[in-house]
C-alpha atoms as a PDB file:
ATOM      1  CA  MET A   1     144.485 128.140  46.532  1.00  0.00           C
ATOM      2  CA  SER A   2     143.640 130.479  49.530  1.00  0.00           C
ATOM      3  CA  THR A   3     140.492 132.192  51.408  1.00  0.00           C
ATOM      4  CA  ILE A   4     139.810 135.984  50.557  1.00  0.00           C
ATOM      5  CA  THR A   5     137.880 137.790  52.890  1.00  0.00           C
ATOM      6  CA  THR A   6     135.966 140.889  51.101  1.00  0.00           C
ATOM      7  CA  GLN A   7     134.769 144.140  52.543  1.00  0.00           C
ATOM      8  CA  ALA A   8     131.011 142.554  52.723  1.00  0.00           C
ATOM      9  CA  GLY A   9     132.482 139.560  54.646  1.00  0.00           C
ATOM     10  CA  ARG A  10     132.071 137.324  52.002  1.00  0.00           C
ATOM     11  CA  ALA A  11     134.809 134.612  51.592  1.00  0.00           C
ATOM     12  CA  VAL A  12     135.971 133.661  48.207  1.00  0.00           C
ATOM     13  CA  ARG A  13     138.881 131.516  47.358  1.00  0.00           C
ATOM     14  CA  ALA A  14     141.338 132.519  45.135  1.00  0.00           C
ATOM     15  CA  THR A  15     143.844 130.381  42.872  1.00  0.00           C
ATOM     16  CA  VAL A  16     147.383 131.257  43.828  1.00  0.00           C
ATOM     17  CA  PRO A  17     149.161 132.403  40.321  1.00  0.00           C
ATOM     18  CA  GLY A  18     151.631 130.197  38.943  1.00  0.00           C
ATOM     19  CA  ARG A  19     149.750 126.974  40.412  1.00  0.00           C
ATOM     20  CA  PHE A  20     147.069 124.582  38.443  1.00  0.00           C
ATOM     21  CA  ARG A  21     144.314 122.294  40.273  1.00  0.00           C
ATOM     22  CA  LYS A  22     145.621 118.493  39.648  1.00  0.00           C
ATOM     23  CA  GLY A  23     143.166 116.525  38.107  1.00  0.00           C
ATOM     24  CA  GLY A  24     142.269 117.646  34.581  1.00  0.00           C
ATOM     25  CA  PRO A  25     140.356 121.356  33.474  1.00  0.00           C
ATOM     26  CA  ARG A  26     139.082 124.144  35.814  1.00  0.00           C
ATOM     27  CA  PRO A  27     134.884 124.056  36.024  1.00  0.00           C
ATOM     28  CA  ASP A  28     133.419 127.169  34.845  1.00  0.00           C
ATOM     29  CA  ALA A  29     131.158 129.515  37.061  1.00  0.00           C
ATOM     30  CA  ASP A  30     128.396 127.218  35.481  1.00  0.00           C
ATOM     31  CA  GLY A  31     130.103 123.813  36.829  1.00  0.00           C
ATOM     32  CA  SER A  32     131.015 123.039  33.432  1.00  0.00           C
ATOM     33  CA  ARG A  33     134.811 122.365  32.656  1.00  0.00           C
ATOM     34  CA  ARG A  34     136.852 124.045  30.357  1.00  0.00           C
ATOM     35  CA  SER A  35     138.018 122.067  27.331  1.00  0.00           C
ATOM     36  CA  ASP A  36     141.897 120.967  26.895  1.00  0.00           C
ATOM     37  CA  THR A  37     141.783 124.274  24.623  1.00  0.00           C
ATOM     38  CA  THR A  38     144.493 126.494  26.942  1.00  0.00           C
ATOM     39  CA  PRO A  39     147.409 128.448  25.251  1.00  0.00           C
ATOM     40  CA  HIS A  40     149.997 125.822  25.602  1.00  0.00           C
ATOM     41  CA  ALA A  41     147.303 122.841  23.883  1.00  0.00           C
ATOM     42  CA  VAL A  42     147.083 125.045  20.918  1.00  0.00           C
ATOM     43  CA  ASP A  43     150.726 125.758  20.676  1.00  0.00           C
ATOM     44  CA  ARG A  44     151.496 122.036  20.755  1.00  0.00           C
ATOM     45  CA  GLU A  45     148.635 121.202  17.438  1.00  0.00           C
ATOM     46  CA  ALA A  46     150.172 124.688  15.387  1.00  0.00           C
ATOM     47  CA  VAL A  47     154.025 123.466  16.155  1.00  0.00           C
ATOM     48  CA  ASP A  48     152.786 120.009  15.115  1.00  0.00           C
ATOM     49  CA  THR A  49     150.625 121.108  12.276  1.00  0.00           C
ATOM     50  CA  GLN A  50     153.812 123.064  11.034  1.00  0.00           C
ATOM     51  CA  THR A  51     156.238 119.717  10.925  1.00  0.00           C
ATOM     52  CA  VAL A  52     154.019 117.831   8.547  1.00  0.00           C
ATOM     53  CA  ASP A  53     153.464 120.961   6.850  1.00  0.00           C
ATOM     54  CA  THR A  54     157.653 120.961   6.672  1.00  0.00           C
ATOM     55  CA  GLN A  55     157.877 117.490   5.817  1.00  0.00           C
ATOM     56  CA  THR A  56     155.493 117.578   3.188  1.00  0.00           C
ATOM     57  CA  VAL A  57     157.543 120.559   1.458  1.00  0.00           C
ATOM     58  CA  ASP A  58     160.952 118.404   1.751  1.00  0.00           C
ATOM     59  CA  THR A  59     159.360 115.486   0.530  1.00  0.00           C
ATOM     60  CA  GLN A  60     158.136 117.510  -2.684  1.00  0.00           C
ATOM     61  CA  ASN A  61     161.459 119.109  -2.871  1.00  0.00           C
ATOM     62  CA  GLU A  62     163.028 116.091  -2.909  1.00  0.00           C
ATOM     63  CA  GLY A  63     160.816 114.583  -5.853  1.00  0.00           C
ATOM     64  CA  ARG A  64     161.505 117.373  -7.187  1.00  0.00           C
ATOM     65  CA  ALA A  65     165.492 117.231  -7.567  1.00  0.00           C
ATOM     66  CA  SER A  66     165.044 113.709  -7.973  1.00  0.00           C
ATOM     67  CA  THR A  67     162.234 114.098 -11.584  1.00  0.00           C
ATOM     68  CA  THR A  68     165.762 116.769 -12.087  1.00  0.00           C
ATOM     69  CA  ARG A  69     168.115 114.493 -11.148  1.00  0.00           C
ATOM     70  CA  ALA A  70     166.549 111.982 -13.776  1.00  0.00           C
ATOM     71  CA  ALA A  71     165.618 114.224 -16.691  1.00  0.00           C
ATOM     72  CA  HIS A  72     169.422 115.203 -16.644  1.00  0.00           C
ATOM     73  CA  ILE A  73     171.266 113.760 -19.522  1.00  0.00           C
ATOM     74  CA  THR A  74     175.067 114.221 -19.978  1.00  0.00           C
ATOM     75  CA  PRO A  75     176.424 114.701 -23.286  1.00  0.00           C
ATOM     76  CA  ARG A  76     177.976 111.242 -22.778  1.00  0.00           C
ATOM     77  CA  GLY A  77     174.342 109.622 -22.057  1.00  0.00           C
ATOM     78  CA  LEU A  78     173.087 110.983 -24.976  1.00  0.00           C
ATOM     79  CA  TRP A  79     175.604 109.751 -27.341  1.00  0.00           C
ATOM     80  CA  ALA A  80     175.284 106.492 -25.413  1.00  0.00           C
ATOM     81  CA  LEU A  81     171.622 106.033 -26.104  1.00  0.00           C
ATOM     82  CA  ALA A  82     172.298 107.399 -30.048  1.00  0.00           C
ATOM     83  CA  VAL A  83     174.746 104.017 -30.138  1.00  0.00           C
ATOM     84  CA  LEU A  84     172.016 102.364 -29.061  1.00  0.00           C
ATOM     85  CA  VAL A  85     169.599 103.267 -30.969  1.00  0.00           C
ATOM     86  CA  LEU A  86     171.504 103.164 -34.054  1.00  0.00           C
ATOM     87  CA  ALA A  87     172.697  99.386 -33.331  1.00  0.00           C
ATOM     88  CA  ALA A  88     169.291  98.213 -32.751  1.00  0.00           C
ATOM     89  CA  ALA A  89     167.618 100.011 -36.115  1.00  0.00           C
ATOM     90  CA  LEU A  90     170.655  98.512 -37.844  1.00  0.00           C
ATOM     91  CA  ALA A  91     169.766  94.576 -36.202  1.00  0.00           C
ATOM     92  CA  VAL A  92     166.183  95.361 -37.924  1.00  0.00           C
ATOM     93  CA  GLY A  93     167.353  96.632 -40.606  1.00  0.00           C
ATOM     94  CA  ALA A  94     170.021  93.758 -41.161  1.00  0.00           C
ATOM     95  CA  THR A  95     166.979  91.058 -40.281  1.00  0.00           C
ATOM     96  CA  LEU A  96     164.769  92.488 -42.746  1.00  0.00           C
ATOM     97  CA  GLY A  97     167.453  92.830 -45.489  1.00  0.00           C
ATOM     98  CA  ARG A  98     167.798  89.150 -44.395  1.00  0.00           C
ATOM     99  CA  HIS A  99     164.184  88.166 -45.039  1.00  0.00           C
ATOM    100  CA  ALA A 100     163.795  90.111 -48.172  1.00  0.00           C
ATOM    101  CA  TRP A 101     166.937  88.541 -49.942  1.00  0.00           C
ATOM    102  CA  GLU A 102     165.233  84.735 -48.707  1.00  0.00           C
ATOM    103  CA  ALA A 103     162.161  85.022 -50.440  1.00  0.00           C
ATOM    104  CA  HIS A 104     163.798  87.179 -53.022  1.00  0.00           C
ATOM    105  CA  GLN A 105     165.996  84.262 -53.685  1.00  0.00           C
ATOM    106  CA  ALA A 106     163.415  81.441 -53.642  1.00  0.00           C
ATOM    107  CA  GLU A 107     161.193  83.225 -55.836  1.00  0.00           C
ATOM    108  CA  GLN A 108     163.494  83.442 -58.341  1.00  0.00           C
ATOM    109  CA  ALA A 109     164.581  79.407 -57.519  1.00  0.00           C
ATOM    110  CA  ARG A 110     161.080  78.843 -58.456  1.00  0.00           C
ATOM    111  CA  ALA A 111     160.981  80.816 -61.317  1.00  0.00           C
ATOM    112  CA  GLU A 112     164.041  79.167 -62.980  1.00  0.00           C
ATOM    113  CA  ALA A 113     162.674  75.617 -62.036  1.00  0.00           C
ATOM    114  CA  VAL A 114     159.205  76.799 -63.750  1.00  0.00           C
ATOM    115  CA  ALA A 115     161.329  77.656 -67.236  1.00  0.00           C
ATOM    116  CA  ALA A 116     163.576  74.563 -66.942  1.00  0.00           C
ATOM    117  CA  ALA A 117     160.896  72.406 -66.795  1.00  0.00           C
ATOM    118  CA  ARG A 118     159.051  74.247 -69.793  1.00  0.00           C
ATOM    119  CA  GLN A 119     162.177  74.036 -72.115  1.00  0.00           C
ATOM    120  CA  LEU A 120     163.074  70.530 -70.767  1.00  0.00           C
ATOM    121  CA  ALA A 121     159.286  69.332 -71.677  1.00  0.00           C
ATOM    122  CA  VAL A 122     160.186  70.810 -75.532  1.00  0.00           C
ATOM    123  CA  ASN A 123     163.125  68.705 -75.313  1.00  0.00           C
ATOM    124  CA  PHE A 124     161.380  66.201 -75.082  1.00  0.00           C
ATOM    125  CA  VAL A 125     158.661  66.279 -77.722  1.00  0.00           C
ATOM    126  CA  THR A 126     161.162  67.878 -79.873  1.00  0.00           C
ATOM    127  CA  VAL A 127     162.508  64.805 -82.347  1.00  0.00           C
ATOM    128  CA  ASP A 128     164.072  64.384 -85.819  1.00  0.00           C
ATOM    129  CA  TYR A 129     164.708  61.372 -87.286  1.00  0.00           C
ATOM    130  CA  ARG A 130     167.593  63.072 -89.542  1.00  0.00           C
ATOM    131  CA  ASP A 131     169.261  64.337 -86.370  1.00  0.00           C
ATOM    132  CA  VAL A 132     168.231  62.103 -84.060  1.00  0.00           C
ATOM    133  CA  ASP A 133     171.289  61.881 -81.902  1.00  0.00           C
ATOM    134  CA  GLN A 134     171.172  65.524 -81.149  1.00  0.00           C
ATOM    135  CA  ASP A 135     167.693  65.608 -80.224  1.00  0.00           C
ATOM    136  CA  VAL A 136     168.755  62.210 -77.008  1.00  0.00           C
ATOM    137  CA  ALA A 137     171.571  64.159 -76.312  1.00  0.00           C
ATOM    138  CA  ARG A 138     169.742  67.206 -75.512  1.00  0.00           C
ATOM    139  CA  VAL A 139     167.471  65.338 -72.703  1.00  0.00           C
ATOM    140  CA  ARG A 140     170.272  63.710 -71.899  1.00  0.00           C
ATOM    141  CA  ALA A 141     171.729  66.807 -70.791  1.00  0.00           C
ATOM    142  CA  GLY A 142     168.633  67.882 -68.481  1.00  0.00           C
ATOM    143  CA  ALA A 143     168.140  64.444 -66.983  1.00  0.00           C
ATOM    144  CA  THR A 144     169.135  63.385 -64.225  1.00  0.00           C
ATOM    145  CA  GLY A 145     168.141  60.582 -61.339  1.00  0.00           C
ATOM    146  CA  THR A 146     165.829  58.000 -61.833  1.00  0.00           C
ATOM    147  CA  PHE A 147     165.004  59.846 -64.728  1.00  0.00           C
ATOM    148  CA  LEU A 148     168.632  60.119 -66.740  1.00  0.00           C
ATOM    149  CA  GLN A 149     168.789  56.094 -65.929  1.00  0.00           C
ATOM    150  CA  SER A 150     165.280  55.088 -67.197  1.00  0.00           C
ATOM    151  CA  TYR A 151     166.001  57.200 -70.562  1.00  0.00           C
ATOM    152  CA  SER A 152     169.303  56.134 -71.287  1.00  0.00           C
ATOM    153  CA  SER A 153     168.530  52.847 -71.116  1.00  0.00           C
ATOM    154  CA  SER A 154     165.852  52.596 -73.663  1.00  0.00           C
ATOM    155  CA  VAL A 155     166.609  55.558 -75.573  1.00  0.00           C
ATOM    156  CA  GLU A 156     168.456  53.376 -78.448  1.00  0.00           C
ATOM    157  CA  ASP A 157     165.115  51.192 -79.221  1.00  0.00           C
ATOM    158  CA  LEU A 158     163.230  54.722 -79.089  1.00  0.00           C
ATOM    159  CA  LYS A 159     165.992  55.911 -81.736  1.00  0.00           C
ATOM    160  CA  LYS A 160     165.043  52.672 -84.409  1.00  0.00           C
ATOM    161  CA  VAL A 161     161.890  53.734 -83.807  1.00  0.00           C
ATOM    162  CA  LEU A 162     161.342  57.421 -84.615  1.00  0.00           C
ATOM    163  CA  VAL A 163     163.937  56.706 -87.727  1.00  0.00           C
ATOM    164  CA  GLN A 164     161.809  54.025 -88.797  1.00  0.00           C
ATOM    165  CA  ASN A 165     158.689  56.168 -88.865  1.00  0.00           C
ATOM    166  CA  LYS A 166     160.243  59.295 -90.443  1.00  0.00           C
ATOM    167  CA  THR A 167     159.263  61.137 -86.889  1.00  0.00           C
ATOM    168  CA  VAL A 168     159.221  64.747 -86.839  1.00  0.00           C
ATOM    169  CA  SER A 169     157.781  66.710 -83.820  1.00  0.00           C
ATOM    170  CA  ARG A 170     157.798  69.966 -82.899  1.00  0.00           C
ATOM    171  CA  ALA A 171     156.440  72.125 -79.889  1.00  0.00           C
ATOM    172  CA  GLU A 172     153.971  74.553 -81.152  1.00  0.00           C
ATOM    173  CA  ARG A 173     152.542  75.570 -77.455  1.00  0.00           C
ATOM    174  CA  THR A 174     153.785  75.018 -73.763  1.00  0.00           C
ATOM    175  CA  GLU A 175     152.149  76.134 -70.674  1.00  0.00           C
ATOM    176  CA  ALA A 176     153.781  75.266 -67.282  1.00  0.00           C
ATOM    177  CA  ALA A 177     152.505  75.963 -63.316  1.00  0.00           C
ATOM    178  CA  LEU A 178     154.915  75.692 -59.870  1.00  0.00           C
ATOM    179  CA  VAL A 179     153.110  72.887 -57.931  1.00  0.00           C
ATOM    180  CA  SER A 180     155.576  73.221 -55.734  1.00  0.00           C
ATOM    181  CA  GLY A 181     159.705  74.114 -55.083  1.00  0.00           C
ATOM    182  CA  ASP A 182     162.225  75.714 -53.319  1.00  0.00           C
ATOM    183  CA  SER A 183     165.564  76.485 -53.471  1.00  0.00           C
ATOM    184  CA  ASP A 184     167.219  73.304 -54.736  1.00  0.00           C
ATOM    185  CA  SER A 185     163.768  71.059 -55.937  1.00  0.00           C
ATOM    186  CA  ALA A 186     160.257  71.448 -57.566  1.00  0.00           C
ATOM    187  CA  VAL A 187     157.610  69.569 -58.906  1.00  0.00           C
ATOM    188  CA  VAL A 188     156.196  71.778 -61.976  1.00  0.00           C
ATOM    189  CA  LEU A 189     152.886  70.502 -64.692  1.00  0.00           C
ATOM    190  CA  VAL A 190     153.615  71.130 -68.360  1.00  0.00           C
ATOM    191  CA  GLY A 191     151.438  71.042 -71.201  1.00  0.00           C
ATOM    192  CA  VAL A 192     152.804  70.809 -75.043  1.00  0.00           C
ATOM    193  CA  VAL A 193     151.092  71.263 -78.043  1.00  0.00           C
ATOM    194  CA  ALA A 194     153.460  69.021 -80.915  1.00  0.00           C
ATOM    195  CA  PRO A 195     152.041  69.325 -84.448  1.00  0.00           C
ATOM    196  CA  THR A 196     153.640  65.647 -85.222  1.00  0.00           C
ATOM    197  CA  GLN A 197     154.539  63.679 -88.647  1.00  0.00           C
ATOM    198  CA  ASN A 198     155.587  60.580 -89.551  1.00  0.00           C
ATOM    199  CA  THR A 199     154.779  57.596 -91.627  1.00  0.00           C
ATOM    200  CA  ALA A 200     151.347  56.495 -90.553  1.00  0.00           C
ATOM    201  CA  VAL A 201     150.331  60.488 -90.955  1.00  0.00           C
ATOM    202  CA  PRO A 202     152.059  62.248 -93.278  1.00  0.00           C
ATOM    203  CA  ALA A 203     149.829  65.362 -93.164  1.00  0.00           C
ATOM    204  CA  GLY A 204     150.302  65.314 -89.441  1.00  0.00           C
ATOM    205  CA  GLU A 205     148.344  66.458 -86.806  1.00  0.00           C
ATOM    206  CA  LYS A 206     148.903  67.632 -83.279  1.00  0.00           C
ATOM    207  CA  LYS A 207     149.491  65.973 -80.124  1.00  0.00           C
ATOM    208  CA  THR A 208     149.063  67.226 -76.327  1.00  0.00           C
ATOM    209  CA  TYR A 209     151.795  65.811 -74.085  1.00  0.00           C
ATOM    210  CA  ARG A 210     150.667  66.602 -70.085  1.00  0.00           C
ATOM    211  CA  MET A 211     153.815  65.700 -68.272  1.00  0.00           C
ATOM    212  CA  ARG A 212     154.422  66.277 -64.254  1.00  0.00           C
ATOM    213  CA  LEU A 213     158.351  66.826 -63.910  1.00  0.00           C
ATOM    214  CA  GLU A 214     160.472  66.840 -60.797  1.00  0.00           C
ATOM    215  CA  LEU A 215     163.509  68.516 -60.859  1.00  0.00           C
ATOM    216  CA  ARG A 216     166.678  68.903 -58.700  1.00  0.00           C
ATOM    217  CA  LYS A 217     169.061  71.772 -58.611  1.00  0.00           C
ATOM    218  CA  ALA A 218     172.288  70.850 -59.252  1.00  0.00           C
ATOM    219  CA  SER A 219     175.666  72.420 -60.414  1.00  0.00           C
ATOM    220  CA  ASP A 220     173.948  75.610 -60.354  1.00  0.00           C
ATOM    221  CA  ALA A 221     171.625  73.745 -63.005  1.00  0.00           C
ATOM    222  CA  TRP A 222     167.631  72.691 -62.894  1.00  0.00           C
ATOM    223  CA  LYS A 223     167.157  69.151 -64.195  1.00  0.00           C
ATOM    224  CA  VAL A 224     164.829  66.559 -64.406  1.00  0.00           C
ATOM    225  CA  GLU A 225     165.068  63.407 -61.994  1.00  0.00           C
ATOM    226  CA  ASN A 226     161.460  62.284 -62.548  1.00  0.00           C
ATOM    227  CA  LEU A 227     158.908  62.637 -65.473  1.00  0.00           C
ATOM    228  CA  GLU A 228     155.267  61.378 -65.590  1.00  0.00           C
ATOM    229  CA  PHE A 229     152.604  61.564 -68.156  1.00  0.00           C
ATOM    230  CA  VAL A 230     149.754  62.752 -66.651  1.00  0.00           C
ATOM    231  CA  GLY A 231     145.700  62.551 -67.822  1.00  0.00           C
END
């Protein structure tokens, strides 16, 4: 800073170019200080803003590039994806097919058990004193377990009674209902209406039998292992 004397004799201070005051911004003519808005400060802010913008653009470009790389699937990757989808579809199809097959097998087994119980009940009430041995053989063929043992132990006495009374019985109507069952066992209720003739009732009468049969599947055939008369 130097002092210059004007023609009017006033002394003024002039700032030597290239030198700056220490201690902050220069005061204005009214004594207030200028804010730090010099061209250098503005340039620094502009440079910082430009740097941030450049970083943002770079980040966006990297994001687009990553998305492009992620979205790009090679033919080999496409085939691998197709194989995985096909394998999953086959696995699901196999599981559903197995469940459907098992359900069909169980349903078929229950239907066979009901049909077998109906026929075995018919065999049990069908007798003719003239062919009693054949009638007994049919019942034995469809029996197993406890029922086979009890029937075999009493069949000789039964044959004597049938022949002596000249008993003839034929099933006229049957009804059957499954109580429970699976692939190799079942419980079935069977009702049979059977007209019966004997020496005591020569004209005959209709008898109604209600039976609870427990069946067991053995050697691909349903057989009665227990038979009880119910109400």
